[in-house]
Amino acid sequence: MEPKLSEIGALIRRSDPDRFFTSLFAPPERREALWTLYAFNNELARAREVASLPMLALIRLQWWREVVEGADRRHEVATPLRALIGQGMLLPEELEAMIAAREAEVEEETDWRAYVEGSAGALAVAAGRLLGGEGAVLERLRNLGAAYGVAGQLRRGVVPVEVLVEAGEAYLRAGRGRLPREVLAAGLVGVLARRDLRRAGPPLRGVGDRMAVLMAATLGRIG
């Protein structure tokens, strides 16, 4: 029988199954914090999806910016997020970079490379820091996260597939190699990115993807 998940853990399992699976390789005592960060990212992504007008999306994103800046809001994600910021486990400037990337996307003032680095890339950095990473390790995580973001662009069909595959492979090369065990969960999305880029199409998750992640987690190495 599976252990009972918290509400926020169940939310991530439904809304972000890739990152939920990779989070299971994080130290158990850090998983809830990791799910909170991923839930924050999910809220940012939903801002554009649920808003009928760009201005409404920007208002939702501003609400989250105020939370990151210190506003006391009672909310299933905002409340634990503020606690993590207060404990120094998440840095406001890194979360604000994620918000800025989403704002630029809404306003159509950014290119896809800047977007994947500021969204999925910055998220991987924040996750790595939460897990105890620092310095060059965080930069490698940024590249692995950005590669996952590039793979996500395959679903949109806006950028030519060959351009995305080339860029994604470049990010993967910059992030590949052995990672400290404690931060590995933040970089495992790179394994899924590599498989998606090789398929050159939207992900169709299966046993092979899970086995690839498991193998990378066992070896402690991406790529």
C-alpha atoms as a PDB file:
ATOM      1  CA  MET A   1       0.000   0.000   0.000  1.00  0.00           C
ATOM      2  CA  GLU A   2       1.317   3.453  -0.939  1.00  0.00           C
ATOM      3  CA  PRO A   3       1.959   5.858   1.945  1.00  0.00           C
ATOM      4  CA  LYS A   4      -0.640   8.571   2.303  1.00  0.00           C
ATOM      5  CA  LEU A   5       0.404  11.777   0.578  1.00  0.00           C
ATOM      6  CA  SER A   6      -0.125  15.265   1.905  1.00  0.00           C
ATOM      7  CA  GLU A   7      -2.535  17.459  -0.046  1.00  0.00           C
ATOM      8  CA  ILE A   8       0.344  19.234  -1.730  1.00  0.00           C
ATOM      9  CA  GLY A   9       2.040  15.952  -2.616  1.00  0.00           C
ATOM     10  CA  ALA A  10      -1.185  14.635  -4.150  1.00  0.00           C
ATOM     11  CA  LEU A  11      -1.506  17.886  -6.092  1.00  0.00           C
ATOM     12  CA  ILE A  12       1.940  17.472  -7.643  1.00  0.00           C
ATOM     13  CA  ARG A  13       1.326  13.825  -8.461  1.00  0.00           C
ATOM     14  CA  ARG A  14      -1.717  14.926 -10.486  1.00  0.00           C
ATOM     15  CA  SER A  15      -0.432  18.137 -12.031  1.00  0.00           C
ATOM     16  CA  ASP A  16       3.292  17.429 -12.541  1.00  0.00           C
ATOM     17  CA  PRO A  17       3.825  13.653 -12.607  1.00  0.00           C
ATOM     18  CA  ASP A  18       7.360  13.890 -14.014  1.00  0.00           C
ATOM     19  CA  ARG A  19       8.649  16.066 -11.193  1.00  0.00           C
ATOM     20  CA  PHE A  20       6.634  14.109  -8.647  1.00  0.00           C
ATOM     21  CA  PHE A  21       8.392  10.901  -9.717  1.00  0.00           C
ATOM     22  CA  THR A  22      11.843  12.481  -9.666  1.00  0.00           C
ATOM     23  CA  SER A  23      11.127  14.006  -6.242  1.00  0.00           C
ATOM     24  CA  LEU A  24      10.845  10.510  -4.782  1.00  0.00           C
ATOM     25  CA  PHE A  25      14.637  10.272  -5.104  1.00  0.00           C
ATOM     26  CA  ALA A  26      15.121  13.290  -2.822  1.00  0.00           C
ATOM     27  CA  PRO A  27      15.868  12.810   0.888  1.00  0.00           C
ATOM     28  CA  PRO A  28      12.495  12.007   2.532  1.00  0.00           C
ATOM     29  CA  GLU A  29      12.737  14.958   4.895  1.00  0.00           C
ATOM     30  CA  ARG A  30      12.973  17.387   1.951  1.00  0.00           C
ATOM     31  CA  ARG A  31      10.189  16.006  -0.267  1.00  0.00           C
ATOM     32  CA  GLU A  32       7.394  18.101   1.217  1.00  0.00           C
ATOM     33  CA  ALA A  33       9.446  21.264   0.673  1.00  0.00           C
ATOM     34  CA  LEU A  34      10.209  20.177  -2.888  1.00  0.00           C
ATOM     35  CA  TRP A  35       6.507  19.576  -3.557  1.00  0.00           C
ATOM     36  CA  THR A  36       5.732  23.053  -2.246  1.00  0.00           C
ATOM     37  CA  LEU A  37       8.226  24.563  -4.698  1.00  0.00           C
ATOM     38  CA  TYR A  38       6.764  22.526  -7.552  1.00  0.00           C
ATOM     39  CA  ALA A  39       3.260  23.565  -6.533  1.00  0.00           C
ATOM     40  CA  PHE A  40       4.374  27.196  -6.712  1.00  0.00           C
ATOM     41  CA  ASN A  41       5.655  26.558 -10.227  1.00  0.00           C
ATOM     42  CA  ASN A  42       2.324  24.950 -11.084  1.00  0.00           C
ATOM     43  CA  GLU A  43       0.474  28.040  -9.876  1.00  0.00           C
ATOM     44  CA  LEU A  44       2.628  30.233 -12.111  1.00  0.00           C
ATOM     45  CA  ALA A  45       1.959  27.994 -15.112  1.00  0.00           C
ATOM     46  CA  ARG A  46      -1.779  28.067 -14.425  1.00  0.00           C
ATOM     47  CA  ALA A  47      -1.851  31.866 -14.376  1.00  0.00           C
ATOM     48  CA  ARG A  48      -1.931  32.004 -18.156  1.00  0.00           C
ATOM     49  CA  GLU A  49      -3.936  28.822 -18.621  1.00  0.00           C
ATOM     50  CA  VAL A  50      -6.923  29.851 -16.505  1.00  0.00           C
ATOM     51  CA  ALA A  51      -7.010  33.589 -17.289  1.00  0.00           C
ATOM     52  CA  SER A  52      -9.178  34.700 -20.199  1.00  0.00           C
ATOM     53  CA  LEU A  53      -7.116  37.880 -20.769  1.00  0.00           C
ATOM     54  CA  PRO A  54      -3.374  38.590 -20.492  1.00  0.00           C
ATOM     55  CA  MET A  55      -4.037  41.302 -17.897  1.00  0.00           C
ATOM     56  CA  LEU A  56      -5.788  38.799 -15.647  1.00  0.00           C
ATOM     57  CA  ALA A  57      -2.812  36.462 -15.934  1.00  0.00           C
ATOM     58  CA  LEU A  58      -0.489  39.307 -14.936  1.00  0.00           C
ATOM     59  CA  ILE A  59      -2.678  40.080 -11.929  1.00  0.00           C
ATOM     60  CA  ARG A  60      -2.407  36.470 -10.775  1.00  0.00           C
ATOM     61  CA  LEU A  61       1.362  36.564 -11.221  1.00  0.00           C
ATOM     62  CA  GLN A  62       1.575  39.834  -9.284  1.00  0.00           C
ATOM     63  CA  TRP A  63      -0.316  38.159  -6.438  1.00  0.00           C
ATOM     64  CA  TRP A  64       2.450  35.553  -6.262  1.00  0.00           C
ATOM     65  CA  ARG A  65       5.141  38.208  -6.514  1.00  0.00           C
ATOM     66  CA  GLU A  66       3.664  39.874  -3.434  1.00  0.00           C
ATOM     67  CA  VAL A  67       3.680  36.535  -1.600  1.00  0.00           C
ATOM     68  CA  VAL A  68       7.369  36.054  -2.414  1.00  0.00           C
ATOM     69  CA  GLU A  69       8.065  39.624  -1.273  1.00  0.00           C
ATOM     70  CA  GLY A  70       6.474  38.920   2.107  1.00  0.00           C
ATOM     71  CA  ALA A  71       2.704  39.362   1.858  1.00  0.00           C
ATOM     72  CA  ASP A  72       0.879  37.162   4.366  1.00  0.00           C
ATOM     73  CA  ARG A  73      -1.695  35.229   2.338  1.00  0.00           C
ATOM     74  CA  ARG A  74      -3.628  32.207   3.570  1.00  0.00           C
ATOM     75  CA  HIS A  75      -3.392  29.693   0.755  1.00  0.00           C
ATOM     76  CA  GLU A  76      -2.544  25.990   0.475  1.00  0.00           C
ATOM     77  CA  VAL A  77       0.652  26.787  -1.446  1.00  0.00           C
ATOM     78  CA  ALA A  78       1.453  30.360  -0.410  1.00  0.00           C
ATOM     79  CA  THR A  79       1.508  29.582   3.321  1.00  0.00           C
ATOM     80  CA  PRO A  80       4.134  26.791   3.211  1.00  0.00           C
ATOM     81  CA  LEU A  81       6.047  28.691   0.521  1.00  0.00           C
ATOM     82  CA  ARG A  82       6.410  31.683   2.841  1.00  0.00           C
ATOM     83  CA  ALA A  83       7.624  29.341   5.585  1.00  0.00           C
ATOM     84  CA  LEU A  84      10.347  27.940   3.327  1.00  0.00           C
ATOM     85  CA  ILE A  85      11.444  31.446   2.365  1.00  0.00           C
ATOM     86  CA  GLY A  86      11.538  32.419   6.031  1.00  0.00           C
ATOM     87  CA  GLN A  87      13.726  29.415   6.803  1.00  0.00           C
ATOM     88  CA  GLY A  88      16.150  30.403   4.041  1.00  0.00           C
ATOM     89  CA  MET A  89      15.473  27.225   2.056  1.00  0.00           C
ATOM     90  CA  LEU A  90      14.199  29.239  -0.919  1.00  0.00           C
ATOM     91  CA  LEU A  91      15.601  32.564  -2.103  1.00  0.00           C
ATOM     92  CA  PRO A  92      13.073  35.268  -3.077  1.00  0.00           C
ATOM     93  CA  GLU A  93      15.199  36.424  -6.011  1.00  0.00           C
ATOM     94  CA  GLU A  94      15.157  32.963  -7.576  1.00  0.00           C
ATOM     95  CA  LEU A  95      11.395  32.687  -7.207  1.00  0.00           C
ATOM     96  CA  GLU A  96      10.980  36.199  -8.618  1.00  0.00           C
ATOM     97  CA  ALA A  97      13.024  35.166 -11.662  1.00  0.00           C
ATOM     98  CA  MET A  98      10.497  32.407 -12.289  1.00  0.00           C
ATOM     99  CA  ILE A  99       7.646  34.907 -12.032  1.00  0.00           C
ATOM    100  CA  ALA A 100       9.413  37.324 -14.379  1.00  0.00           C
ATOM    101  CA  ALA A 101       9.781  34.592 -17.011  1.00  0.00           C
ATOM    102  CA  ARG A 102       6.049  33.916 -16.892  1.00  0.00           C
ATOM    103  CA  GLU A 103       5.239  37.634 -17.065  1.00  0.00           C
ATOM    104  CA  ALA A 104       7.453  38.044 -20.122  1.00  0.00           C
ATOM    105  CA  GLU A 105       5.716  35.067 -21.719  1.00  0.00           C
ATOM    106  CA  VAL A 106       2.280  36.600 -21.137  1.00  0.00           C
ATOM    107  CA  GLU A 107       3.444  39.915 -22.585  1.00  0.00           C
ATOM    108  CA  GLU A 108       5.223  38.115 -25.452  1.00  0.00           C
ATOM    109  CA  GLU A 109       8.429  39.993 -24.636  1.00  0.00           C
ATOM    110  CA  THR A 110      10.802  37.033 -24.470  1.00  0.00           C
ATOM    111  CA  ASP A 111      12.148  34.357 -26.773  1.00  0.00           C
ATOM    112  CA  TRP A 112      11.788  30.668 -26.053  1.00  0.00           C
ATOM    113  CA  ARG A 113      15.394  30.251 -24.898  1.00  0.00           C
ATOM    114  CA  ALA A 114      15.077  32.956 -22.258  1.00  0.00           C
ATOM    115  CA  TYR A 115      11.747  31.473 -21.243  1.00  0.00           C
ATOM    116  CA  VAL A 116      13.011  27.911 -20.652  1.00  0.00           C
ATOM    117  CA  GLU A 117      16.034  29.206 -18.727  1.00  0.00           C
ATOM    118  CA  GLY A 118      13.872  31.473 -16.568  1.00  0.00           C
ATOM    119  CA  SER A 119      11.148  28.932 -15.915  1.00  0.00           C
ATOM    120  CA  ALA A 120      12.246  25.267 -15.932  1.00  0.00           C
ATOM    121  CA  GLY A 121      15.919  26.236 -15.578  1.00  0.00           C
ATOM    122  CA  ALA A 122      15.354  28.535 -12.620  1.00  0.00           C
ATOM    123  CA  LEU A 123      13.041  25.973 -11.026  1.00  0.00           C
ATOM    124  CA  ALA A 124      15.798  23.340 -11.133  1.00  0.00           C
ATOM    125  CA  VAL A 125      18.197  25.813  -9.489  1.00  0.00           C
ATOM    126  CA  ALA A 126      15.721  26.559  -6.691  1.00  0.00           C
ATOM    127  CA  ALA A 127      15.118  22.839  -6.202  1.00  0.00           C
ATOM    128  CA  GLY A 128      18.850  22.174  -6.093  1.00  0.00           C
ATOM    129  CA  ARG A 129      19.442  24.914  -3.543  1.00  0.00           C
ATOM    130  CA  LEU A 130      16.593  23.586  -1.405  1.00  0.00           C
ATOM    131  CA  LEU A 131      18.322  20.194  -1.464  1.00  0.00           C
ATOM    132  CA  GLY A 132      21.660  21.690  -0.431  1.00  0.00           C
ATOM    133  CA  GLY A 133      23.350  22.380  -3.775  1.00  0.00           C
ATOM    134  CA  GLU A 134      25.549  25.372  -4.474  1.00  0.00           C
ATOM    135  CA  GLY A 135      27.943  26.929  -6.980  1.00  0.00           C
ATOM    136  CA  ALA A 136      28.718  25.019 -10.163  1.00  0.00           C
ATOM    137  CA  VAL A 137      26.255  22.284  -9.242  1.00  0.00           C
ATOM    138  CA  LEU A 138      23.399  24.771  -9.465  1.00  0.00           C
ATOM    139  CA  GLU A 139      24.532  25.905 -12.911  1.00  0.00           C
ATOM    140  CA  ARG A 140      24.508  22.324 -14.114  1.00  0.00           C
ATOM    141  CA  LEU A 141      21.020  21.919 -12.717  1.00  0.00           C
ATOM    142  CA  ARG A 142      19.939  25.073 -14.533  1.00  0.00           C
ATOM    143  CA  ASN A 143      21.023  23.489 -17.809  1.00  0.00           C
ATOM    144  CA  LEU A 144      19.289  20.191 -17.057  1.00  0.00           C
ATOM    145  CA  GLY A 145      16.106  22.038 -16.133  1.00  0.00           C
ATOM    146  CA  ALA A 146      16.321  24.165 -19.267  1.00  0.00           C
ATOM    147  CA  ALA A 147      16.695  20.999 -21.363  1.00  0.00           C
ATOM    148  CA  TYR A 148      13.460  19.713 -19.845  1.00  0.00           C
ATOM    149  CA  GLY A 149      11.854  23.058 -20.663  1.00  0.00           C
ATOM    150  CA  VAL A 150      13.051  22.782 -24.266  1.00  0.00           C
ATOM    151  CA  ALA A 151      11.518  19.312 -24.520  1.00  0.00           C
ATOM    152  CA  GLY A 152       8.262  20.828 -23.287  1.00  0.00           C
ATOM    153  CA  GLN A 153       8.325  23.219 -26.237  1.00  0.00           C
ATOM    154  CA  LEU A 154       7.912  20.224 -28.558  1.00  0.00           C
ATOM    155  CA  ARG A 155       4.240  20.136 -27.543  1.00  0.00           C
ATOM    156  CA  ARG A 156       3.652  23.682 -28.711  1.00  0.00           C
ATOM    157  CA  GLY A 157       4.835  23.293 -32.292  1.00  0.00           C
ATOM    158  CA  VAL A 158       5.986  26.930 -32.546  1.00  0.00           C
ATOM    159  CA  VAL A 159       9.736  26.360 -32.907  1.00  0.00           C
ATOM    160  CA  PRO A 160      11.083  23.905 -35.530  1.00  0.00           C
ATOM    161  CA  VAL A 161      11.758  20.487 -34.019  1.00  0.00           C
ATOM    162  CA  GLU A 162      15.370  20.364 -35.249  1.00  0.00           C
ATOM    163  CA  VAL A 163      16.113  23.711 -33.559  1.00  0.00           C
ATOM    164  CA  LEU A 164      14.682  22.483 -30.269  1.00  0.00           C
ATOM    165  CA  VAL A 165      16.542  19.182 -30.406  1.00  0.00           C
ATOM    166  CA  GLU A 166      19.860  20.929 -31.058  1.00  0.00           C
ATOM    167  CA  ALA A 167      19.323  23.408 -28.226  1.00  0.00           C
ATOM    168  CA  GLY A 168      18.113  20.739 -25.837  1.00  0.00           C
ATOM    169  CA  GLU A 169      21.142  18.556 -26.520  1.00  0.00           C
ATOM    170  CA  ALA A 170      23.427  21.536 -25.888  1.00  0.00           C
ATOM    171  CA  TYR A 171      21.809  22.137 -22.495  1.00  0.00           C
ATOM    172  CA  LEU A 172      22.149  18.448 -21.661  1.00  0.00           C
ATOM    173  CA  ARG A 173      25.850  18.419 -22.531  1.00  0.00           C
ATOM    174  CA  ALA A 174      26.360  21.388 -20.186  1.00  0.00           C
ATOM    175  CA  GLY A 175      24.582  19.600 -17.351  1.00  0.00           C
ATOM    176  CA  ARG A 176      25.661  15.991 -17.773  1.00  0.00           C
ATOM    177  CA  GLY A 177      27.848  14.047 -15.367  1.00  0.00           C
ATOM    178  CA  ARG A 178      27.793  12.973 -11.751  1.00  0.00           C
ATOM    179  CA  LEU A 179      25.808  15.024  -9.259  1.00  0.00           C
ATOM    180  CA  PRO A 180      25.977  15.009  -5.464  1.00  0.00           C
ATOM    181  CA  ARG A 181      23.520  12.411  -4.208  1.00  0.00           C
ATOM    182  CA  GLU A 182      21.536  14.895  -2.145  1.00  0.00           C
ATOM    183  CA  VAL A 183      20.667  17.137  -5.135  1.00  0.00           C
ATOM    184  CA  LEU A 184      20.200  14.418  -7.736  1.00  0.00           C
ATOM    185  CA  ALA A 185      16.396  14.615  -7.645  1.00  0.00           C
ATOM    186  CA  ALA A 186      16.532  18.175  -8.978  1.00  0.00           C
ATOM    187  CA  GLY A 187      18.447  17.072 -12.081  1.00  0.00           C
ATOM    188  CA  LEU A 188      16.648  13.854 -12.994  1.00  0.00           C
ATOM    189  CA  VAL A 189      14.286  15.752 -15.295  1.00  0.00           C
ATOM    190  CA  GLY A 190      17.301  15.853 -17.614  1.00  0.00           C
ATOM    191  CA  VAL A 191      16.924  12.099 -18.123  1.00  0.00           C
ATOM    192  CA  LEU A 192      13.343  12.576 -19.279  1.00  0.00           C
ATOM    193  CA  ALA A 193      14.366  15.530 -21.441  1.00  0.00           C
ATOM    194  CA  ARG A 194      16.939  13.410 -23.277  1.00  0.00           C
ATOM    195  CA  ARG A 195      14.368  10.720 -24.015  1.00  0.00           C
ATOM    196  CA  ASP A 196      11.775  13.257 -25.187  1.00  0.00           C
ATOM    197  CA  LEU A 197      14.270  15.014 -27.445  1.00  0.00           C
ATOM    198  CA  ARG A 198      15.303  11.725 -29.004  1.00  0.00           C
ATOM    199  CA  ARG A 199      11.654  10.972 -29.728  1.00  0.00           C
ATOM    200  CA  ALA A 200      11.375  14.523 -31.117  1.00  0.00           C
ATOM    201  CA  GLY A 201       7.781  14.691 -29.998  1.00  0.00           C
ATOM    202  CA  PRO A 202       5.483  15.086 -26.996  1.00  0.00           C
ATOM    203  CA  PRO A 203       6.273  12.663 -24.150  1.00  0.00           C
ATOM    204  CA  LEU A 204       4.448   9.357 -24.005  1.00  0.00           C
ATOM    205  CA  ARG A 205       5.518   8.202 -20.584  1.00  0.00           C
ATOM    206  CA  GLY A 206       6.087   4.509 -20.066  1.00  0.00           C
ATOM    207  CA  VAL A 207       8.092   1.962 -18.140  1.00  0.00           C
ATOM    208  CA  GLY A 208      11.221   2.806 -20.149  1.00  0.00           C
ATOM    209  CA  ASP A 209      11.190   6.393 -18.889  1.00  0.00           C
ATOM    210  CA  ARG A 210      10.865   5.307 -15.271  1.00  0.00           C
ATOM    211  CA  MET A 211      13.617   2.741 -15.661  1.00  0.00           C
ATOM    212  CA  ALA A 212      15.927   5.358 -17.200  1.00  0.00           C
ATOM    213  CA  VAL A 213      15.329   7.686 -14.233  1.00  0.00           C
ATOM    214  CA  LEU A 214      15.862   4.829 -11.799  1.00  0.00           C
ATOM    215  CA  MET A 215      19.134   3.880 -13.483  1.00  0.00           C
ATOM    216  CA  ALA A 216      20.400   7.469 -13.394  1.00  0.00           C
ATOM    217  CA  ALA A 217      19.426   7.763  -9.739  1.00  0.00           C
ATOM    218  CA  THR A 218      21.228   4.510  -8.934  1.00  0.00           C
ATOM    219  CA  LEU A 219      24.404   5.588 -10.725  1.00  0.00           C
ATOM    220  CA  GLY A 220      24.177   9.180  -9.491  1.00  0.00           C
ATOM    221  CA  ARG A 221      24.863  10.400 -12.990  1.00  0.00           C
ATOM    222  CA  ILE A 222      22.899  12.268 -15.678  1.00  0.00           C
ATOM    223  CA  GLY A 223      23.742  11.467 -19.295  1.00  0.00           C
END
